[in-house]
C-alpha atoms as a PDB file:
ATOM      1  CA  MET A   1     -40.255  65.011   6.920  1.00  0.00           C
ATOM      2  CA  GLU A   2     -42.051  62.141   5.302  1.00  0.00           C
ATOM      3  CA  GLU A   3     -39.160  61.803   3.005  1.00  0.00           C
ATOM      4  CA  GLU A   4     -36.814  61.538   5.947  1.00  0.00           C
ATOM      5  CA  THR A   5     -39.055  58.937   7.577  1.00  0.00           C
ATOM      6  CA  GLY A   6     -39.028  56.889   4.349  1.00  0.00           C
ATOM      7  CA  ILE A   7     -35.252  57.058   4.178  1.00  0.00           C
ATOM      8  CA  ILE A   8     -34.966  56.087   7.836  1.00  0.00           C
ATOM      9  CA  ASP A   9     -37.389  53.169   7.328  1.00  0.00           C
ATOM     10  CA  ASN A  10     -35.425  52.121   4.261  1.00  0.00           C
ATOM     11  CA  ASN A  11     -32.144  52.406   6.193  1.00  0.00           C
ATOM     12  CA  GLU A  12     -33.616  50.363   9.050  1.00  0.00           C
ATOM     13  CA  ASP A  13     -34.621  47.655   6.566  1.00  0.00           C
ATOM     14  CA  ILE A  14     -31.106  47.640   5.127  1.00  0.00           C
ATOM     15  CA  ILE A  15     -29.602  47.531   8.621  1.00  0.00           C
ATOM     16  CA  THR A  16     -31.927  44.668   9.612  1.00  0.00           C
ATOM     17  CA  GLU A  17     -31.051  42.798   6.420  1.00  0.00           C
ATOM     18  CA  LEU A  18     -27.334  43.375   7.002  1.00  0.00           C
ATOM     19  CA  GLN A  19     -27.664  42.282  10.636  1.00  0.00           C
ATOM     20  CA  ASN A  20     -29.464  39.112   9.504  1.00  0.00           C
ATOM     21  CA  LYS A  21     -26.714  38.425   6.951  1.00  0.00           C
ATOM     22  CA  LEU A  22     -24.053  39.143   9.559  1.00  0.00           C
ATOM     23  CA  SER A  23     -25.767  36.798  11.990  1.00  0.00           C
ATOM     24  CA  GLU A  24     -25.971  34.090   9.300  1.00  0.00           C
ATOM     25  CA  LEU A  25     -22.299  34.578   8.378  1.00  0.00           C
ATOM     26  CA  GLU A  26     -21.289  34.443  12.056  1.00  0.00           C
ATOM     27  CA  LYS A  27     -23.269  31.199  12.404  1.00  0.00           C
ATOM     28  CA  GLN A  28     -21.555  29.742   9.294  1.00  0.00           C
ATOM     29  CA  LEU A  29     -18.168  30.878  10.624  1.00  0.00           C
ATOM     30  CA  SER A  30     -18.874  29.252  13.977  1.00  0.00           C
ATOM     31  CA  GLU A  31     -19.926  25.998  12.266  1.00  0.00           C
ATOM     32  CA  SER A  32     -16.835  26.098  10.029  1.00  0.00           C
ATOM     33  CA  GLU A  33     -14.566  26.726  13.018  1.00  0.00           C
ATOM     34  CA  SER A  34     -16.207  23.821  14.855  1.00  0.00           C
ATOM     35  CA  LYS A  35     -15.753  21.526  11.833  1.00  0.00           C
ATOM     36  CA  LEU A  36     -12.150  22.679  11.467  1.00  0.00           C
ATOM     37  CA  LYS A  37     -11.486  21.993  15.155  1.00  0.00           C
ATOM     38  CA  ASP A  38     -13.052  18.504  14.851  1.00  0.00           C
ATOM     39  CA  THR A  39     -11.034  17.798  11.710  1.00  0.00           C
ATOM     40  CA  TYR A  40      -7.839  19.018  13.371  1.00  0.00           C
ATOM     41  CA  ASP A  41      -8.537  16.859  16.454  1.00  0.00           C
ATOM     42  CA  ARG A  42      -9.109  13.806  14.212  1.00  0.00           C
ATOM     43  CA  PHE A  43      -5.892  14.634  12.379  1.00  0.00           C
ATOM     44  CA  LEU A  44      -3.952  14.813  15.661  1.00  0.00           C
ATOM     45  CA  ARG A  45      -5.432  11.482  16.807  1.00  0.00           C
ATOM     46  CA  SER A  46      -4.615   9.912  13.442  1.00  0.00           C
ATOM     47  CA  GLU A  47      -1.066  11.253  13.625  1.00  0.00           C
ATOM     48  CA  ALA A  48      -0.677   9.862  17.160  1.00  0.00           C
ATOM     49  CA  ASP A  49      -2.116   6.505  16.037  1.00  0.00           C
ATOM     50  CA  PHE A  50       0.293   6.469  13.100  1.00  0.00           C
ATOM     51  CA  GLN A  51       3.282   7.233  15.341  1.00  0.00           C
ATOM     52  CA  ASN A  52       2.198   4.482  17.758  1.00  0.00           C
ATOM     53  CA  LEU A  53       1.794   2.054  14.860  1.00  0.00           C
ATOM     54  CA  ARG A  54       5.244   2.965  13.549  1.00  0.00           C
ATOM     55  CA  LYS A  55       6.820   2.427  16.985  1.00  0.00           C
ATOM     56  CA  ARG A  56       4.984  -0.877  17.450  1.00  0.00           C
ATOM     57  CA  THR A  57       6.007  -2.033  13.960  1.00  0.00           C
ATOM     58  CA  GLU A  58       9.645  -1.118  14.609  1.00  0.00           C
ATOM     59  CA  LYS A  59       9.572  -3.020  17.901  1.00  0.00           C
ATOM     60  CA  GLU A  60       8.012  -6.054  16.209  1.00  0.00           C
ATOM     61  CA  LYS A  61      10.648  -5.931  13.455  1.00  0.00           C
ATOM     62  CA  GLU A  62      13.399  -5.668  16.056  1.00  0.00           C
ATOM     63  CA  ASP A  63      11.927  -8.583  18.017  1.00  0.00           C
ATOM     64  CA  THR A  64      11.663 -10.601  14.806  1.00  0.00           C
ATOM     65  CA  ARG A  65      15.326  -9.894  14.040  1.00  0.00           C
ATOM     66  CA  LYS A  66      16.319 -10.736  17.610  1.00  0.00           C
ATOM     67  CA  TYR A  67      14.386 -13.969  17.893  1.00  0.00           C
ATOM     68  CA  ALA A  68      14.056 -15.142  14.276  1.00  0.00           C
ATOM     69  CA  LEU A  69      16.538 -17.947  14.795  1.00  0.00           C
ATOM     70  CA  GLN A  70      15.205 -18.998  18.177  1.00  0.00           C
ATOM     71  CA  GLU A  71      13.544 -22.211  16.950  1.00  0.00           C
ATOM     72  CA  VAL A  72      16.585 -23.163  14.873  1.00  0.00           C
ATOM     73  CA  ILE A  73      18.918 -22.467  17.782  1.00  0.00           C
ATOM     74  CA  ILE A  74      16.785 -24.599  20.118  1.00  0.00           C
ATOM     75  CA  GLY A  75      17.009 -27.474  17.628  1.00  0.00           C
ATOM     76  CA  ILE A  76      20.757 -27.024  17.284  1.00  0.00           C
ATOM     77  CA  LEU A  77      21.099 -26.949  21.074  1.00  0.00           C
ATOM     78  CA  ASN A  78      19.587 -30.438  21.157  1.00  0.00           C
ATOM     79  CA  VAL A  79      22.260 -31.582  18.711  1.00  0.00           C
ATOM     80  CA  LEU A  80      24.891 -29.831  20.839  1.00  0.00           C
ATOM     81  CA  ASP A  81      23.588 -31.762  23.858  1.00  0.00           C
ATOM     82  CA  HIS A  82      24.087 -35.022  21.917  1.00  0.00           C
ATOM     83  CA  ILE A  83      27.659 -34.033  21.102  1.00  0.00           C
ATOM     84  CA  GLU A  84      28.389 -33.147  24.735  1.00  0.00           C
ATOM     85  CA  ARG A  85      26.953 -36.464  25.940  1.00  0.00           C
ATOM     86  CA  GLY A  86      29.068 -38.288  23.356  1.00  0.00           C
ATOM     87  CA  ILE A  87      32.238 -36.501  24.477  1.00  0.00           C
ATOM     88  CA  LYS A  88      31.442 -37.208  28.128  1.00  0.00           C
ATOM     89  CA  ALA A  89      30.730 -40.880  27.418  1.00  0.00           C
ATOM     90  CA  TYR A  90      33.939 -41.170  25.430  1.00  0.00           C
ATOM     91  CA  LYS A  91      35.996 -39.618  28.247  1.00  0.00           C
ATOM     92  CA  GLU A  92      34.359 -41.802  30.890  1.00  0.00           C
ATOM     93  CA  SER A  93      34.697 -44.959  28.834  1.00  0.00           C
ATOM     94  CA  GLU A  94      36.576 -47.688  30.643  1.00  0.00           C
ATOM     95  CA  LYS A  95      38.080 -48.919  27.431  1.00  0.00           C
ATOM     96  CA  GLU A  96      41.165 -47.212  26.158  1.00  0.00           C
ATOM     97  CA  THR A  97      39.511 -46.651  22.819  1.00  0.00           C
ATOM     98  CA  LEU A  98      36.011 -47.121  21.529  1.00  0.00           C
ATOM     99  CA  PRO A  99      35.570 -49.190  18.402  1.00  0.00           C
ATOM    100  CA  LYS A 100      35.681 -47.067  15.278  1.00  0.00           C
ATOM    101  CA  GLU A 101      32.217 -48.299  14.270  1.00  0.00           C
ATOM    102  CA  GLU A 102      30.625 -47.036  17.512  1.00  0.00           C
ATOM    103  CA  VAL A 103      32.220 -43.604  17.156  1.00  0.00           C
ATOM    104  CA  LEU A 104      31.153 -43.406  13.511  1.00  0.00           C
ATOM    105  CA  LYS A 105      27.609 -44.491  14.398  1.00  0.00           C
ATOM    106  CA  GLY A 106      27.399 -41.736  17.048  1.00  0.00           C
ATOM    107  CA  ILE A 107      28.675 -39.106  14.628  1.00  0.00           C
ATOM    108  CA  GLU A 108      26.193 -40.254  11.968  1.00  0.00           C
ATOM    109  CA  LEU A 109      23.306 -39.989  14.463  1.00  0.00           C
ATOM    110  CA  ILE A 110      24.350 -36.458  15.398  1.00  0.00           C
ATOM    111  CA  TYR A 111      24.697 -35.554  11.694  1.00  0.00           C
ATOM    112  CA  LYS A 112      21.191 -36.913  11.021  1.00  0.00           C
ATOM    113  CA  ASP A 113      19.758 -34.969  13.988  1.00  0.00           C
ATOM    114  CA  LEU A 114      21.321 -31.741  12.724  1.00  0.00           C
ATOM    115  CA  LYS A 115      20.044 -32.327   9.179  1.00  0.00           C
ATOM    116  CA  ASP A 116      16.561 -33.020  10.568  1.00  0.00           C
ATOM    117  CA  VAL A 117      16.587 -29.773  12.571  1.00  0.00           C
ATOM    118  CA  LEU A 118      17.690 -27.735   9.567  1.00  0.00           C
ATOM    119  CA  SER A 119      15.260 -29.538   7.260  1.00  0.00           C
ATOM    120  CA  SER A 120      12.367 -28.804   9.615  1.00  0.00           C
ATOM    121  CA  HIS A 121      13.143 -25.105   9.107  1.00  0.00           C
ATOM    122  CA  GLY A 122      13.097 -25.253   5.311  1.00  0.00           C
ATOM    123  CA  LEU A 123      16.696 -26.156   4.466  1.00  0.00           C
ATOM    124  CA  CYS A 124      17.263 -28.812   1.813  1.00  0.00           C
ATOM    125  CA  GLU A 125      20.270 -30.029  -0.126  1.00  0.00           C
ATOM    126  CA  ILE A 126      20.557 -29.409  -3.838  1.00  0.00           C
ATOM    127  CA  GLU A 127      20.663 -32.721  -5.689  1.00  0.00           C
ATOM    128  CA  CYS A 128      23.234 -32.319  -8.416  1.00  0.00           C
ATOM    129  CA  LEU A 129      25.100 -35.504  -9.409  1.00  0.00           C
ATOM    130  CA  GLY A 130      24.106 -36.571 -12.915  1.00  0.00           C
ATOM    131  CA  LYS A 131      21.933 -33.494 -13.378  1.00  0.00           C
ATOM    132  CA  GLU A 132      22.346 -30.920 -16.116  1.00  0.00           C
ATOM    133  CA  PHE A 133      24.469 -27.967 -14.992  1.00  0.00           C
ATOM    134  CA  ASP A 134      22.286 -25.043 -13.922  1.00  0.00           C
ATOM    135  CA  PRO A 135      24.147 -21.852 -12.921  1.00  0.00           C
ATOM    136  CA  PHE A 136      21.280 -20.949 -10.601  1.00  0.00           C
ATOM    137  CA  TYR A 137      21.938 -24.065  -8.489  1.00  0.00           C
ATOM    138  CA  HIS A 138      25.547 -24.953  -9.354  1.00  0.00           C
ATOM    139  CA  GLU A 139      28.936 -23.276  -9.389  1.00  0.00           C
ATOM    140  CA  ALA A 140      31.334 -24.957 -11.813  1.00  0.00           C
ATOM    141  CA  LEU A 141      34.817 -25.198 -10.325  1.00  0.00           C
ATOM    142  CA  ALA A 142      36.171 -27.567 -12.955  1.00  0.00           C
ATOM    143  CA  THR A 143      35.296 -29.164 -16.259  1.00  0.00           C
ATOM    144  CA  VAL A 144      36.281 -32.524 -17.637  1.00  0.00           C
ATOM    145  CA  CYS A 145      36.141 -33.850 -21.177  1.00  0.00           C
ATOM    146  CA  SER A 146      34.035 -36.983 -21.336  1.00  0.00           C
ATOM    147  CA  GLU A 147      32.607 -39.002 -24.164  1.00  0.00           C
ATOM    148  CA  GLU A 148      30.819 -41.277 -21.681  1.00  0.00           C
ATOM    149  CA  SER A 149      28.562 -38.588 -20.177  1.00  0.00           C
ATOM    150  CA  GLU A 150      26.276 -36.096 -21.823  1.00  0.00           C
ATOM    151  CA  HIS A 151      27.578 -32.581 -22.325  1.00  0.00           C
ATOM    152  CA  ASN A 152      27.083 -30.159 -19.425  1.00  0.00           C
ATOM    153  CA  ARG A 153      26.364 -32.805 -16.757  1.00  0.00           C
ATOM    154  CA  VAL A 154      27.508 -32.636 -13.129  1.00  0.00           C
ATOM    155  CA  VAL A 155      29.904 -35.535 -12.503  1.00  0.00           C
ATOM    156  CA  GLU A 156      31.394 -34.564  -9.146  1.00  0.00           C
ATOM    157  CA  GLU A 157      30.296 -32.488  -6.170  1.00  0.00           C
ATOM    158  CA  PHE A 158      33.037 -30.675  -4.243  1.00  0.00           C
ATOM    159  CA  GLN A 159      30.706 -28.947  -1.791  1.00  0.00           C
ATOM    160  CA  LYS A 160      26.986 -29.406  -1.190  1.00  0.00           C
ATOM    161  CA  GLY A 161      24.612 -26.616  -2.083  1.00  0.00           C
ATOM    162  CA  TYR A 162      21.529 -25.668  -0.096  1.00  0.00           C
ATOM    163  CA  ILE A 163      18.128 -24.094  -0.614  1.00  0.00           C
ATOM    164  CA  LEU A 164      16.350 -22.352   2.245  1.00  0.00           C
ATOM    165  CA  ASN A 165      12.623 -22.484   1.548  1.00  0.00           C
ATOM    166  CA  ASP A 166      12.672 -21.329  -2.090  1.00  0.00           C
ATOM    167  CA  ARG A 167      15.986 -19.436  -2.143  1.00  0.00           C
ATOM    168  CA  VAL A 168      19.411 -20.807  -3.031  1.00  0.00           C
ATOM    169  CA  ILE A 169      21.645 -19.805  -0.133  1.00  0.00           C
ATOM    170  CA  ARG A 170      24.696 -21.673  -1.388  1.00  0.00           C
ATOM    171  CA  PRO A 171      25.081 -23.254  -4.820  1.00  0.00           C
ATOM    172  CA  SER A 172      26.659 -26.699  -5.160  1.00  0.00           C
ATOM    173  CA  ARG A 173      30.313 -26.506  -6.177  1.00  0.00           C
ATOM    174  CA  VAL A 174      30.754 -29.030  -8.935  1.00  0.00           C
ATOM    175  CA  LYS A 175      32.746 -30.526 -11.795  1.00  0.00           C
ATOM    176  CA  VAL A 176      30.935 -30.479 -15.145  1.00  0.00           C
ATOM    177  CA  THR A 177      31.433 -32.499 -18.336  1.00  0.00           C
ATOM    178  CA  LYS A 178      32.073 -30.945 -21.670  1.00  0.00           C
ATOM    179  CA  ASN A 179      32.206 -32.711 -24.990  1.00  0.00           C
ATOM    180  CA  GLU A 180      34.602 -31.568 -27.628  1.00  0.00           C
END
């Protein structure tokens, strides 16, 4: 009987130890599940934030595309207003014809206004006459033999070239010298 009591006491100790371990493991499992739930919730919030950021970024890009030229267009509209006023004044003129100089002066003022608008937005002409030919800035449409000018110099401009900020958007179309 004592032997049975010793075995029972020993079994009770083992059961108590196993119950303590089980309780500890259940506590760890509960903590792990709680951490996992918190991590999953943070993940879902991060995913939602990311999707919102993506949508907002797409909208901003679309708005930028839509309205990127707004300032330029407003400036050009001012030039357009000048042209319309000039046409109206010409039509309402009591004289049969305006002097050529007055018409030319009006056109030159409008041209200057347009250049100023474009310049204020980063557009500038490429200076090319007398400069060494540079394929990055110039497009050679013709060559001419010349002993008077240095080899590979621009001697005539057929069409102006332009740079927008730091990018060539249209090279100057030119005639270049070559020495034989």
